[in-house]
Amino acid sequence: MYTLLLANEKRTYDFNSQFKCFSVIGAPHLRSSARDLNFFQYHSIDVITLLLGSLSVIIWVGIKLAKLCCRVVCALCKSKSTESKLKKNK
């Protein structure tokens, strides 16, 4: 039993030395670069703000165009109705 544990330990040591995994804790090459980003960069707040701003401008322009179309159609309907009333009165 003891020799089996020693053999397993030797295999573990060989594996670690082959891939150089001795100092995993605190290794700078294994540290995530996200730790160096500030809050705005980490959460992509600038991108979210740009997308929401673009979406709100598109919606605003759409509403303004819809109102303009309604005004034009209503003006045309009113002018046709007044013309027909004038023709009936003559």
Protein backbone atom coordinates (compact mmCIF):
# COMPACT_ATOMS: atom_id res chain seq x y z
CA MET A 1 0.00 0.00 0.00
CA TYR A 2 2.80 2.38 0.91
CA THR A 3 4.63 1.69 -2.36
CA LEU A 4 1.42 2.47 -4.28
CA LEU A 5 1.22 5.87 -2.58
CA LEU A 6 4.87 6.58 -3.37
CA ALA A 7 4.37 5.60 -7.00
CA ASN A 8 1.33 7.87 -7.25
CA GLU A 9 3.28 10.72 -5.64
CA LYS A 10 6.15 10.21 -8.12
CA ARG A 11 3.69 10.36 -11.03
CA THR A 12 2.20 13.56 -9.64
CA TYR A 13 5.64 15.07 -9.25
CA ASP A 14 6.56 14.09 -12.82
CA PHE A 15 3.35 15.61 -14.15
CA ASN A 16 3.90 18.86 -12.25
CA SER A 17 7.51 19.15 -13.33
CA GLN A 18 6.59 18.44 -16.92
CA PHE A 19 4.02 21.25 -17.07
CA LYS A 20 5.69 23.52 -14.50
CA CYS A 21 2.62 23.95 -12.29
CA PHE A 22 4.43 24.40 -9.00
CA SER A 23 3.42 27.95 -8.19
CA VAL A 24 -0.14 28.40 -9.40
CA ILE A 25 -1.18 30.68 -6.56
CA GLY A 26 0.04 34.19 -7.24
CA ALA A 27 1.36 33.40 -10.71
CA PRO A 28 1.16 36.63 -12.72
CA HIS A 29 0.70 34.83 -16.04
CA LEU A 30 -2.45 33.11 -14.74
CA ARG A 31 -4.03 36.25 -13.33
CA SER A 32 -7.08 37.58 -15.16
CA SER A 33 -6.56 40.90 -16.91
CA ALA A 34 -10.14 41.87 -15.93
CA ARG A 35 -8.73 42.74 -12.52
CA ASP A 36 -6.91 45.69 -14.11
CA LEU A 37 -10.07 47.23 -15.64
CA ASN A 38 -12.07 49.94 -13.93
CA PHE A 39 -15.83 49.70 -13.30
CA PHE A 40 -16.90 51.36 -16.56
CA GLN A 41 -14.61 49.21 -18.70
CA TYR A 42 -15.48 45.97 -16.91
CA HIS A 43 -19.23 46.42 -17.30
CA SER A 44 -19.05 48.08 -20.77
CA ILE A 45 -21.12 51.02 -19.59
CA ASP A 46 -19.89 53.22 -22.45
CA VAL A 47 -21.16 50.73 -25.03
CA ILE A 48 -24.50 50.31 -23.24
CA THR A 49 -24.91 54.10 -23.07
CA LEU A 50 -24.18 54.46 -26.78
CA LEU A 51 -26.68 51.74 -27.71
CA LEU A 52 -29.42 53.14 -25.47
CA GLY A 53 -28.79 56.66 -26.76
CA SER A 54 -28.97 55.51 -30.37
CA LEU A 55 -32.16 53.57 -29.69
CA SER A 56 -33.80 56.55 -27.99
CA VAL A 57 -32.88 58.86 -30.91
CA ILE A 58 -34.32 56.39 -33.40
CA ILE A 59 -37.55 56.10 -31.39
CA TRP A 60 -37.78 59.91 -31.06
CA VAL A 61 -37.33 60.41 -34.80
CA GLY A 62 -39.94 57.72 -35.48
CA ILE A 63 -42.48 59.42 -33.20
CA LYS A 64 -41.84 62.81 -34.82
CA LEU A 65 -42.29 61.34 -38.30
CA ALA A 66 -45.52 59.61 -37.25
CA LYS A 67 -46.88 62.91 -35.87
CA LEU A 68 -45.92 64.72 -39.07
CA CYS A 69 -47.65 62.10 -41.20
CA CYS A 70 -50.79 62.36 -39.06
CA ARG A 71 -50.82 66.14 -39.42
CA VAL A 72 -50.44 65.95 -43.19
CA VAL A 73 -53.19 63.33 -43.55
CA CYS A 74 -55.53 65.26 -41.24
CA ALA A 75 -54.86 68.49 -43.15
CA LEU A 76 -55.65 66.75 -46.45
CA CYS A 77 -58.84 65.28 -45.04
CA LYS A 78 -59.97 68.66 -43.70
CA SER A 79 -59.25 70.43 -46.97
CA LYS A 80 -61.21 67.82 -48.94
CA SER A 81 -64.12 68.02 -46.54
CA THR A 82 -64.26 71.83 -46.78
CA GLU A 83 -64.08 71.64 -50.58
CA SER A 84 -66.99 69.21 -50.67
CA LYS A 85 -69.03 71.45 -48.35
CA LEU A 86 -68.35 74.46 -50.58
CA LYS A 87 -69.47 72.54 -53.67
CA LYS A 88 -72.69 71.46 -51.94
CA ASN A 89 -73.45 75.06 -50.92
CA LYS A 90 -73.11 76.39 -54.49
